[in-house]
Amino acid sequence: MTTTHIPNVTLTTQANVYFDGKCVSHGFQLADGTRKSVGVVLPATLTFNTGAPEIMECVAGACDYKLAGSNEWLRSGPGERFSIPGNSSFEIRVTDSYHYICHFG
């Protein structure tokens, strides 16, 4: 099921802009202190590094992704998620746009 609404959050209003605007996100925090971000990746092939483990949830659009150490591109569409270990990286390939929620932890 795709997340469509997140109640009771503290939102960071300044956007995080990466890769010359090809990825734009806003961070927010839930009442229990959990950190997340919501954003969009525009058409591109990009490499992201992780500090903490992350779960990428597709809200709209789609992407192909490849985890560090793998040669296999996998697809993620609306309502689907993929996990990235901490202190790792992943490549993401987007042909239209990929709207996401990033769950940190």
PDB file of N, CA and C in Angstrom:
ATOM      1  N   MET A   1       0.844  -1.178   0.000  1.00  0.00           N
ATOM      2  CA  MET A   1       0.000   0.000   0.000  1.00  0.00           C
ATOM      3  C   MET A   1       0.893   1.247   0.000  1.00  0.00           C
ATOM      4  N   THR A   2       0.535   2.225  -0.780  1.00  0.00           N
ATOM      5  CA  THR A   2       1.299   3.454  -0.898  1.00  0.00           C
ATOM      6  C   THR A   2       0.900   4.440   0.188  1.00  0.00           C
ATOM      7  N   THR A   3       1.876   5.030   0.848  1.00  0.00           N
ATOM      8  CA  THR A   3       1.610   6.073   1.839  1.00  0.00           C
ATOM      9  C   THR A   3       1.146   7.328   1.109  1.00  0.00           C
ATOM     10  N   THR A   4       0.008   7.885   1.508  1.00  0.00           N
ATOM     11  CA  THR A   4      -0.511   9.088   0.850  1.00  0.00           C
ATOM     12  C   THR A   4      -0.555  10.297   1.762  1.00  0.00           C
ATOM     13  N   HIS A   5      -0.432  10.072   3.094  1.00  0.00           N
ATOM     14  CA  HIS A   5      -0.541  11.168   4.054  1.00  0.00           C
ATOM     15  C   HIS A   5       0.259  10.803   5.298  1.00  0.00           C
ATOM     16  N   ILE A   6       0.996  11.783   5.820  1.00  0.00           N
ATOM     17  CA  ILE A   6       1.764  11.552   7.041  1.00  0.00           C
ATOM     18  C   ILE A   6       1.377  12.651   8.035  1.00  0.00           C
ATOM     19  N   PRO A   7       0.586  12.339   9.047  1.00  0.00           N
ATOM     20  CA  PRO A   7       0.126  13.360   9.991  1.00  0.00           C
ATOM     21  C   PRO A   7       1.174  13.694  11.051  1.00  0.00           C
ATOM     22  N   ASN A   8       1.000  14.863  11.665  1.00  0.00           N
ATOM     23  CA  ASN A   8       1.758  15.270  12.851  1.00  0.00           C
ATOM     24  C   ASN A   8       3.270  15.206  12.664  1.00  0.00           C
ATOM     25  N   VAL A   9       3.775  15.970  11.706  1.00  0.00           N
ATOM     26  CA  VAL A   9       5.216  15.990  11.447  1.00  0.00           C
ATOM     27  C   VAL A   9       5.778  17.395  11.639  1.00  0.00           C
ATOM     28  N   THR A  10       7.080  17.452  11.891  1.00  0.00           N
ATOM     29  CA  THR A  10       7.818  18.700  11.889  1.00  0.00           C
ATOM     30  C   THR A  10       8.634  18.691  10.608  1.00  0.00           C
ATOM     31  N   LEU A  11       8.340  19.621   9.708  1.00  0.00           N
ATOM     32  CA  LEU A  11       8.913  19.640   8.372  1.00  0.00           C
ATOM     33  C   LEU A  11      10.036  20.662   8.274  1.00  0.00           C
ATOM     34  N   THR A  12      11.125  20.282   7.634  1.00  0.00           N
ATOM     35  CA  THR A  12      12.185  21.214   7.292  1.00  0.00           C
ATOM     36  C   THR A  12      11.788  21.871   5.981  1.00  0.00           C
ATOM     37  N   THR A  13      11.595  23.187   5.996  1.00  0.00           N
ATOM     38  CA  THR A  13      11.051  23.857   4.817  1.00  0.00           C
ATOM     39  C   THR A  13      12.078  24.090   3.716  1.00  0.00           C
ATOM     40  N   GLN A  14      13.364  24.149   4.050  1.00  0.00           N
ATOM     41  CA  GLN A  14      14.371  24.307   3.007  1.00  0.00           C
ATOM     42  C   GLN A  14      14.649  22.952   2.372  1.00  0.00           C
ATOM     43  N   ALA A  15      14.586  22.918   1.065  1.00  0.00           N
ATOM     44  CA  ALA A  15      14.781  21.668   0.336  1.00  0.00           C
ATOM     45  C   ALA A  15      16.241  21.239   0.331  1.00  0.00           C
ATOM     46  N   ASN A  16      16.441  19.941   0.280  1.00  0.00           N
ATOM     47  CA  ASN A  16      17.756  19.358  -0.003  1.00  0.00           C
ATOM     48  C   ASN A  16      17.809  19.165  -1.511  1.00  0.00           C
ATOM     49  N   VAL A  17      18.760  19.794  -2.168  1.00  0.00           N
ATOM     50  CA  VAL A  17      18.875  19.714  -3.622  1.00  0.00           C
ATOM     51  C   VAL A  17      20.187  19.011  -3.954  1.00  0.00           C
ATOM     52  N   TYR A  18      20.089  17.907  -4.684  1.00  0.00           N
ATOM     53  CA  TYR A  18      21.254  17.096  -5.029  1.00  0.00           C
ATOM     54  C   TYR A  18      21.377  16.987  -6.539  1.00  0.00           C
ATOM     55  N   PHE A  19      22.602  16.729  -6.992  1.00  0.00           N
ATOM     56  CA  PHE A  19      22.865  16.438  -8.398  1.00  0.00           C
ATOM     57  C   PHE A  19      22.264  17.492  -9.337  1.00  0.00           C
ATOM     58  N   ASP A  20      22.598  18.766  -9.049  1.00  0.00           N
ATOM     59  CA  ASP A  20      22.140  19.885  -9.900  1.00  0.00           C
ATOM     60  C   ASP A  20      20.625  19.906 -10.088  1.00  0.00           C
ATOM     61  N   GLY A  21      19.885  19.559  -9.034  1.00  0.00           N
ATOM     62  CA  GLY A  21      18.430  19.619  -9.074  1.00  0.00           C
ATOM     63  C   GLY A  21      17.752  18.368  -9.584  1.00  0.00           C
ATOM     64  N   LYS A  22      18.508  17.324  -9.869  1.00  0.00           N
ATOM     65  CA  LYS A  22      17.888  16.082 -10.341  1.00  0.00           C
ATOM     66  C   LYS A  22      17.220  15.301  -9.208  1.00  0.00           C
ATOM     67  N   CYS A  23      17.542  15.651  -7.955  1.00  0.00           N
ATOM     68  CA  CYS A  23      16.880  15.075  -6.786  1.00  0.00           C
ATOM     69  C   CYS A  23      16.624  16.199  -5.793  1.00  0.00           C
ATOM     70  N   VAL A  24      15.382  16.336  -5.394  1.00  0.00           N
ATOM     71  CA  VAL A  24      14.985  17.366  -4.423  1.00  0.00           C
ATOM     72  C   VAL A  24      14.134  16.694  -3.351  1.00  0.00           C
ATOM     73  N   SER A  25      14.483  16.948  -2.078  1.00  0.00           N
ATOM     74  CA  SER A  25      13.718  16.337  -0.995  1.00  0.00           C
ATOM     75  C   SER A  25      13.538  17.306   0.159  1.00  0.00           C
ATOM     76  N   HIS A  26      12.591  16.982   1.020  1.00  0.00           N
ATOM     77  CA  HIS A  26      12.354  17.712   2.268  1.00  0.00           C
ATOM     78  C   HIS A  26      12.388  16.707   3.410  1.00  0.00           C
ATOM     79  N   GLY A  27      13.179  17.011   4.441  1.00  0.00           N
ATOM     80  CA  GLY A  27      13.242  16.160   5.615  1.00  0.00           C
ATOM     81  C   GLY A  27      12.147  16.513   6.598  1.00  0.00           C
ATOM     82  N   PHE A  28      11.727  15.518   7.362  1.00  0.00           N
ATOM     83  CA  PHE A  28      10.749  15.764   8.415  1.00  0.00           C
ATOM     84  C   PHE A  28      10.964  14.759   9.537  1.00  0.00           C
ATOM     85  N   GLN A  29      10.362  15.071  10.670  1.00  0.00           N
ATOM     86  CA  GLN A  29      10.496  14.224  11.858  1.00  0.00           C
ATOM     87  C   GLN A  29       9.117  13.952  12.428  1.00  0.00           C
ATOM     88  N   LEU A  30       8.874  12.703  12.798  1.00  0.00           N
ATOM     89  CA  LEU A  30       7.626  12.319  13.451  1.00  0.00           C
ATOM     90  C   LEU A  30       7.693  12.674  14.931  1.00  0.00           C
ATOM     91  N   ALA A  31       6.567  12.645  15.599  1.00  0.00           N
ATOM     92  CA  ALA A  31       6.504  12.993  17.022  1.00  0.00           C
ATOM     93  C   ALA A  31       7.406  12.109  17.875  1.00  0.00           C
ATOM     94  N   ASP A  32       7.638  10.860  17.438  1.00  0.00           N
ATOM     95  CA  ASP A  32       8.491   9.945  18.211  1.00  0.00           C
ATOM     96  C   ASP A  32       9.985  10.109  17.897  1.00  0.00           C
ATOM     97  N   GLY A  33      10.323  11.086  17.041  1.00  0.00           N
ATOM     98  CA  GLY A  33      11.713  11.354  16.706  1.00  0.00           C
ATOM     99  C   GLY A  33      12.209  10.668  15.442  1.00  0.00           C
ATOM    100  N   THR A  34      11.389   9.817  14.846  1.00  0.00           N
ATOM    101  CA  THR A  34      11.771   9.129  13.620  1.00  0.00           C
ATOM    102  C   THR A  34      11.976  10.135  12.492  1.00  0.00           C
ATOM    103  N   ARG A  35      13.100   9.992  11.764  1.00  0.00           N
ATOM    104  CA  ARG A  35      13.408  10.887  10.644  1.00  0.00           C
ATOM    105  C   ARG A  35      13.055  10.228   9.311  1.00  0.00           C
ATOM    106  N   LYS A  36      12.529  11.043   8.401  1.00  0.00           N
ATOM    107  CA  LYS A  36      12.196  10.601   7.050  1.00  0.00           C
ATOM    108  C   LYS A  36      12.408  11.768   6.103  1.00  0.00           C
ATOM    109  N   SER A  37      12.338  11.501   4.818  1.00  0.00           N
ATOM    110  CA  SER A  37      12.303  12.581   3.839  1.00  0.00           C
ATOM    111  C   SER A  37      11.369  12.170   2.713  1.00  0.00           C
ATOM    112  N   VAL A  38      10.826  13.167   2.035  1.00  0.00           N
ATOM    113  CA  VAL A  38      10.010  12.936   0.846  1.00  0.00           C
ATOM    114  C   VAL A  38      10.627  13.741  -0.282  1.00  0.00           C
ATOM    115  N   GLY A  39      10.591  13.177  -1.480  1.00  0.00           N
ATOM    116  CA  GLY A  39      11.205  13.904  -2.578  1.00  0.00           C
ATOM    117  C   GLY A  39      10.891  13.301  -3.920  1.00  0.00           C
ATOM    118  N   VAL A  40      11.602  13.816  -4.918  1.00  0.00           N
ATOM    119  CA  VAL A  40      11.451  13.358  -6.284  1.00  0.00           C
ATOM    120  C   VAL A  40      12.830  13.295  -6.930  1.00  0.00           C
ATOM    121  N   VAL A  41      13.026  12.252  -7.729  1.00  0.00           N
ATOM    122  CA  VAL A  41      14.204  12.139  -8.572  1.00  0.00           C
ATOM    123  C   VAL A  41      13.721  12.285 -10.004  1.00  0.00           C
ATOM    124  N   LEU A  42      14.320  13.231 -10.734  1.00  0.00           N
ATOM    125  CA  LEU A  42      13.981  13.460 -12.130  1.00  0.00           C
ATOM    126  C   LEU A  42      14.840  12.556 -13.011  1.00  0.00           C
ATOM    127  N   PRO A  43      14.538  12.475 -14.307  1.00  0.00           N
ATOM    128  CA  PRO A  43      15.269  11.552 -15.177  1.00  0.00           C
ATOM    129  C   PRO A  43      16.789  11.701 -15.066  1.00  0.00           C
ATOM    130  N   ALA A  44      17.439  10.604 -14.705  1.00  0.00           N
ATOM    131  CA  ALA A  44      18.892  10.581 -14.529  1.00  0.00           C
ATOM    132  C   ALA A  44      19.294   9.192 -14.052  1.00  0.00           C
ATOM    133  N   THR A  45      20.591   8.943 -14.062  1.00  0.00           N
ATOM    134  CA  THR A  45      21.184   7.792 -13.386  1.00  0.00           C
ATOM    135  C   THR A  45      22.145   8.358 -12.358  1.00  0.00           C
ATOM    136  N   LEU A  46      21.885   8.083 -11.074  1.00  0.00           N
ATOM    137  CA  LEU A  46      22.617   8.703  -9.970  1.00  0.00           C
ATOM    138  C   LEU A  46      23.102   7.643  -8.994  1.00  0.00           C
ATOM    139  N   THR A  47      24.133   7.979  -8.229  1.00  0.00           N
ATOM    140  CA  THR A  47      24.628   7.106  -7.165  1.00  0.00           C
ATOM    141  C   THR A  47      24.485   7.825  -5.834  1.00  0.00           C
ATOM    142  N   PHE A  48      23.810   7.199  -4.889  1.00  0.00           N
ATOM    143  CA  PHE A  48      23.620   7.737  -3.552  1.00  0.00           C
ATOM    144  C   PHE A  48      24.403   6.899  -2.554  1.00  0.00           C
ATOM    145  N   ASN A  49      25.002   7.550  -1.587  1.00  0.00           N
ATOM    146  CA  ASN A  49      25.680   6.885  -0.476  1.00  0.00           C
ATOM    147  C   ASN A  49      24.787   6.953   0.750  1.00  0.00           C
ATOM    148  N   THR A  50      24.842   5.933   1.588  1.00  0.00           N
ATOM    149  CA  THR A  50      24.048   5.907   2.813  1.00  0.00           C
ATOM    150  C   THR A  50      24.963   5.935   4.030  1.00  0.00           C
ATOM    151  N   GLY A  51      24.505   6.592   5.080  1.00  0.00           N
ATOM    152  CA  GLY A  51      25.146   6.517   6.384  1.00  0.00           C
ATOM    153  C   GLY A  51      24.409   5.464   7.193  1.00  0.00           C
ATOM    154  N   ALA A  52      23.155   5.780   7.515  1.00  0.00           N
ATOM    155  CA  ALA A  52      22.272   4.839   8.213  1.00  0.00           C
ATOM    156  C   ALA A  52      21.552   3.978   7.175  1.00  0.00           C
ATOM    157  N   PRO A  53      21.012   2.835   7.585  1.00  0.00           N
ATOM    158  CA  PRO A  53      20.174   2.054   6.667  1.00  0.00           C
ATOM    159  C   PRO A  53      18.977   2.891   6.203  1.00  0.00           C
ATOM    160  N   GLU A  54      18.527   2.646   4.996  1.00  0.00           N
ATOM    161  CA  GLU A  54      17.395   3.377   4.428  1.00  0.00           C
ATOM    162  C   GLU A  54      16.436   2.402   3.769  1.00  0.00           C
ATOM    163  N   ILE A  55      15.162   2.799   3.771  1.00  0.00           N
ATOM    164  CA  ILE A  55      14.144   2.102   2.991  1.00  0.00           C
ATOM    165  C   ILE A  55      13.536   3.141   2.061  1.00  0.00           C
ATOM    166  N   MET A  56      13.580   2.872   0.772  1.00  0.00           N
ATOM    167  CA  MET A  56      12.995   3.772  -0.220  1.00  0.00           C
ATOM    168  C   MET A  56      11.614   3.235  -0.596  1.00  0.00           C
ATOM    169  N   GLU A  57      10.597   4.061  -0.377  1.00  0.00           N
ATOM    170  CA  GLU A  57       9.213   3.706  -0.708  1.00  0.00           C
ATOM    171  C   GLU A  57       8.776   4.525  -1.907  1.00  0.00           C
ATOM    172  N   CYS A  58       8.344   3.871  -2.961  1.00  0.00           N
ATOM    173  CA  CYS A  58       7.865   4.565  -4.158  1.00  0.00           C
ATOM    174  C   CYS A  58       6.424   5.023  -3.943  1.00  0.00           C
ATOM    175  N   VAL A  59       6.209   6.321  -4.097  1.00  0.00           N
ATOM    176  CA  VAL A  59       4.877   6.904  -3.970  1.00  0.00           C
ATOM    177  C   VAL A  59       4.217   7.035  -5.343  1.00  0.00           C
ATOM    178  N   ALA A  60       5.003   7.401  -6.362  1.00  0.00           N
ATOM    179  CA  ALA A  60       4.512   7.529  -7.737  1.00  0.00           C
ATOM    180  C   ALA A  60       5.698   7.411  -8.675  1.00  0.00           C
ATOM    181  N   GLY A  61       5.406   7.085  -9.932  1.00  0.00           N
ATOM    182  CA  GLY A  61       6.477   6.900 -10.898  1.00  0.00           C
ATOM    183  C   GLY A  61       7.144   5.562 -10.677  1.00  0.00           C
ATOM    184  N   ALA A  62       8.399   5.462 -11.089  1.00  0.00           N
ATOM    185  CA  ALA A  62       9.135   4.213 -10.937  1.00  0.00           C
ATOM    186  C   ALA A  62      10.619   4.486 -11.099  1.00  0.00           C
ATOM    187  N   CYS A  63      11.412   3.497 -10.684  1.00  0.00           N
ATOM    188  CA  CYS A  63      12.854   3.571 -10.881  1.00  0.00           C
ATOM    189  C   CYS A  63      13.400   2.172 -11.031  1.00  0.00           C
ATOM    190  N   ASP A  64      14.601   2.101 -11.544  1.00  0.00           N
ATOM    191  CA  ASP A  64      15.401   0.897 -11.480  1.00  0.00           C
ATOM    192  C   ASP A  64      16.506   1.206 -10.488  1.00  0.00           C
ATOM    193  N   TYR A  65      16.922   0.216  -9.705  1.00  0.00           N
ATOM    194  CA  TYR A  65      17.982   0.448  -8.725  1.00  0.00           C
ATOM    195  C   TYR A  65      18.920  -0.747  -8.689  1.00  0.00           C
ATOM    196  N   LYS A  66      20.145  -0.462  -8.281  1.00  0.00           N
ATOM    197  CA  LYS A  66      21.163  -1.498  -8.164  1.00  0.00           C
ATOM    198  C   LYS A  66      21.930  -1.228  -6.880  1.00  0.00           C
ATOM    199  N   LEU A  67      21.925  -2.186  -5.974  1.00  0.00           N
ATOM    200  CA  LEU A  67      22.624  -2.051  -4.701  1.00  0.00           C
ATOM    201  C   LEU A  67      24.126  -2.260  -4.896  1.00  0.00           C
ATOM    202  N   ALA A  68      24.924  -1.648  -4.035  1.00  0.00           N
ATOM    203  CA  ALA A  68      26.377  -1.811  -4.081  1.00  0.00           C
ATOM    204  C   ALA A  68      26.729  -3.292  -4.047  1.00  0.00           C
ATOM    205  N   GLY A  69      27.663  -3.699  -4.884  1.00  0.00           N
ATOM    206  CA  GLY A  69      28.094  -5.082  -4.921  1.00  0.00           C
ATOM    207  C   GLY A  69      27.260  -5.979  -5.811  1.00  0.00           C
ATOM    208  N   SER A  70      26.178  -5.429  -6.390  1.00  0.00           N
ATOM    209  CA  SER A  70      25.313  -6.213  -7.268  1.00  0.00           C
ATOM    210  C   SER A  70      25.459  -5.726  -8.708  1.00  0.00           C
ATOM    211  N   ASN A  71      25.234  -6.613  -9.656  1.00  0.00           N
ATOM    212  CA  ASN A  71      25.207  -6.235 -11.071  1.00  0.00           C
ATOM    213  C   ASN A  71      23.785  -6.216 -11.608  1.00  0.00           C
ATOM    214  N   GLU A  72      22.810  -6.492 -10.722  1.00  0.00           N
ATOM    215  CA  GLU A  72      21.416  -6.659 -11.151  1.00  0.00           C
ATOM    216  C   GLU A  72      20.599  -5.396 -10.897  1.00  0.00           C
ATOM    217  N   TRP A  73      20.001  -4.862 -11.967  1.00  0.00           N
ATOM    218  CA  TRP A  73      19.057  -3.757 -11.835  1.00  0.00           C
ATOM    219  C   TRP A  73      17.689  -4.341 -11.496  1.00  0.00           C
ATOM    220  N   LEU A  74      17.031  -3.771 -10.488  1.00  0.00           N
ATOM    221  CA  LEU A  74      15.696  -4.196 -10.065  1.00  0.00           C
ATOM    222  C   LEU A  74      14.737  -3.028 -10.240  1.00  0.00           C
ATOM    223  N   ARG A  75      13.463  -3.309 -10.386  1.00  0.00           N
ATOM    224  CA  ARG A  75      12.442  -2.283 -10.618  1.00  0.00           C
ATOM    225  C   ARG A  75      11.672  -2.025  -9.333  1.00  0.00           C
ATOM    226  N   SER A  76      11.314  -0.747  -9.090  1.00  0.00           N
ATOM    227  CA  SER A  76      10.460  -0.374  -7.962  1.00  0.00           C
ATOM    228  C   SER A  76       9.399   0.594  -8.459  1.00  0.00           C
ATOM    229  N   GLY A  77       8.127   0.258  -8.205  1.00  0.00           N
ATOM    230  CA  GLY A  77       7.007   1.082  -8.635  1.00  0.00           C
ATOM    231  C   GLY A  77       6.138   1.466  -7.460  1.00  0.00           C
ATOM    232  N   PRO A  78       5.020   2.136  -7.711  1.00  0.00           N
ATOM    233  CA  PRO A  78       4.145   2.616  -6.646  1.00  0.00           C
ATOM    234  C   PRO A  78       3.769   1.533  -5.639  1.00  0.00           C
ATOM    235  N   GLY A  79       3.954   1.853  -4.352  1.00  0.00           N
ATOM    236  CA  GLY A  79       3.628   0.936  -3.271  1.00  0.00           C
ATOM    237  C   GLY A  79       4.735  -0.052  -2.946  1.00  0.00           C
ATOM    238  N   GLU A  80       5.820  -0.039  -3.722  1.00  0.00           N
ATOM    239  CA  GLU A  80       6.920  -0.964  -3.479  1.00  0.00           C
ATOM    240  C   GLU A  80       8.054  -0.262  -2.728  1.00  0.00           C
ATOM    241  N   ARG A  81       8.863  -1.059  -2.047  1.00  0.00           N
ATOM    242  CA  ARG A  81       9.977  -0.543  -1.249  1.00  0.00           C
ATOM    243  C   ARG A  81      11.224  -1.356  -1.536  1.00  0.00           C
ATOM    244  N   PHE A  82      12.377  -0.714  -1.318  1.00  0.00           N
ATOM    245  CA  PHE A  82      13.630  -1.465  -1.315  1.00  0.00           C
ATOM    246  C   PHE A  82      14.516  -0.918  -0.210  1.00  0.00           C
ATOM    247  N   SER A  83      15.368  -1.792   0.318  1.00  0.00           N
ATOM    248  CA  SER A  83      16.211  -1.457   1.465  1.00  0.00           C
ATOM    249  C   SER A  83      17.671  -1.351   1.052  1.00  0.00           C
ATOM    250  N   ILE A  84      18.357  -0.380   1.663  1.00  0.00           N
ATOM    251  CA  ILE A  84      19.771  -0.171   1.437  1.00  0.00           C
ATOM    252  C   ILE A  84      20.462  -0.241   2.792  1.00  0.00           C
ATOM    253  N   PRO A  85      21.517  -1.034   2.920  1.00  0.00           N
ATOM    254  CA  PRO A  85      22.237  -1.089   4.202  1.00  0.00           C
ATOM    255  C   PRO A  85      22.918   0.239   4.518  1.00  0.00           C
ATOM    256  N   GLY A  86      23.245   0.430   5.786  1.00  0.00           N
ATOM    257  CA  GLY A  86      24.012   1.598   6.193  1.00  0.00           C
ATOM    258  C   GLY A  86      25.433   1.513   5.674  1.00  0.00           C
ATOM    259  N   ASN A  87      26.057   2.672   5.530  1.00  0.00           N
ATOM    260  CA  ASN A  87      27.440   2.753   5.041  1.00  0.00           C
ATOM    261  C   ASN A  87      27.619   1.988   3.739  1.00  0.00           C
ATOM    262  N   SER A  88      26.709   2.215   2.814  1.00  0.00           N
ATOM    263  CA  SER A  88      26.713   1.539   1.529  1.00  0.00           C
ATOM    264  C   SER A  88      26.351   2.543   0.445  1.00  0.00           C
ATOM    265  N   SER A  89      25.901   2.055  -0.696  1.00  0.00           N
ATOM    266  CA  SER A  89      25.463   2.937  -1.779  1.00  0.00           C
ATOM    267  C   SER A  89      24.496   2.180  -2.674  1.00  0.00           C
ATOM    268  N   PHE A  90      23.824   2.942  -3.529  1.00  0.00           N
ATOM    269  CA  PHE A  90      22.979   2.344  -4.555  1.00  0.00           C
ATOM    270  C   PHE A  90      22.916   3.277  -5.745  1.00  0.00           C
ATOM    271  N   GLU A  91      22.728   2.686  -6.907  1.00  0.00           N
ATOM    272  CA  GLU A  91      22.508   3.462  -8.115  1.00  0.00           C
ATOM    273  C   GLU A  91      21.016   3.469  -8.382  1.00  0.00           C
ATOM    274  N   ILE A  92      20.523   4.576  -8.897  1.00  0.00           N
ATOM    275  CA  ILE A  92      19.113   4.682  -9.248  1.00  0.00           C
ATOM    276  C   ILE A  92      19.027   5.233 -10.667  1.00  0.00           C
ATOM    277  N   ARG A  93      18.155   4.612 -11.454  1.00  0.00           N
ATOM    278  CA  ARG A  93      17.962   5.014 -12.846  1.00  0.00           C
ATOM    279  C   ARG A  93      16.487   5.368 -13.018  1.00  0.00           C
ATOM    280  N   VAL A  94      16.230   6.612 -13.408  1.00  0.00           N
ATOM    281  CA  VAL A  94      14.858   7.120 -13.537  1.00  0.00           C
ATOM    282  C   VAL A  94      14.667   7.634 -14.955  1.00  0.00           C
ATOM    283  N   THR A  95      13.562   7.255 -15.600  1.00  0.00           N
ATOM    284  CA  THR A  95      13.303   7.715 -16.963  1.00  0.00           C
ATOM    285  C   THR A  95      12.189   8.757 -17.038  1.00  0.00           C
ATOM    286  N   ASP A  96      11.311   8.829 -16.050  1.00  0.00           N
ATOM    287  CA  ASP A  96      10.239   9.839 -16.023  1.00  0.00           C
ATOM    288  C   ASP A  96      10.402  10.648 -14.744  1.00  0.00           C
ATOM    289  N   SER A  97       9.856  10.194 -13.662  1.00  0.00           N
ATOM    290  CA  SER A  97      10.112  10.769 -12.340  1.00  0.00           C
ATOM    291  C   SER A  97       9.784   9.713 -11.298  1.00  0.00           C
ATOM    292  N   TYR A  98      10.470   9.810 -10.174  1.00  0.00           N
ATOM    293  CA  TYR A  98      10.316   8.833  -9.093  1.00  0.00           C
ATOM    294  C   TYR A  98      10.040   9.624  -7.822  1.00  0.00           C
ATOM    295  N   HIS A  99       8.830   9.523  -7.299  1.00  0.00           N
ATOM    296  CA  HIS A  99       8.428  10.206  -6.074  1.00  0.00           C
ATOM    297  C   HIS A  99       8.567   9.202  -4.931  1.00  0.00           C
ATOM    298  N   TYR A 100       9.212   9.614  -3.853  1.00  0.00           N
ATOM    299  CA  TYR A 100       9.555   8.652  -2.817  1.00  0.00           C
ATOM    300  C   TYR A 100       9.422   9.202  -1.409  1.00  0.00           C
ATOM    301  N   ILE A 101       9.362   8.268  -0.470  1.00  0.00           N
ATOM    302  CA  ILE A 101       9.575   8.536   0.961  1.00  0.00           C
ATOM    303  C   ILE A 101      10.800   7.726   1.346  1.00  0.00           C
ATOM    304  N   CYS A 102      11.770   8.382   1.960  1.00  0.00           N
ATOM    305  CA  CYS A 102      12.950   7.686   2.468  1.00  0.00           C
ATOM    306  C   CYS A 102      12.794   7.524   3.962  1.00  0.00           C
ATOM    307  N   HIS A 103      12.775   6.278   4.414  1.00  0.00           N
ATOM    308  CA  HIS A 103      12.664   5.952   5.830  1.00  0.00           C
ATOM    309  C   HIS A 103      14.071   5.666   6.350  1.00  0.00           C
ATOM    310  N   PHE A 104      14.575   6.475   7.253  1.00  0.00           N
ATOM    311  CA  PHE A 104      15.918   6.301   7.804  1.00  0.00           C
ATOM    312  C   PHE A 104      15.846   5.406   9.046  1.00  0.00           C
ATOM    313  N   GLY A 105      16.906   4.661   9.255  1.00  0.00           N
ATOM    314  CA  GLY A 105      16.925   3.923  10.494  1.00  0.00           C
ATOM    315  C   GLY A 105      17.712   2.710  10.421  1.00  0.00           C
TER     316      GLY A 105
END
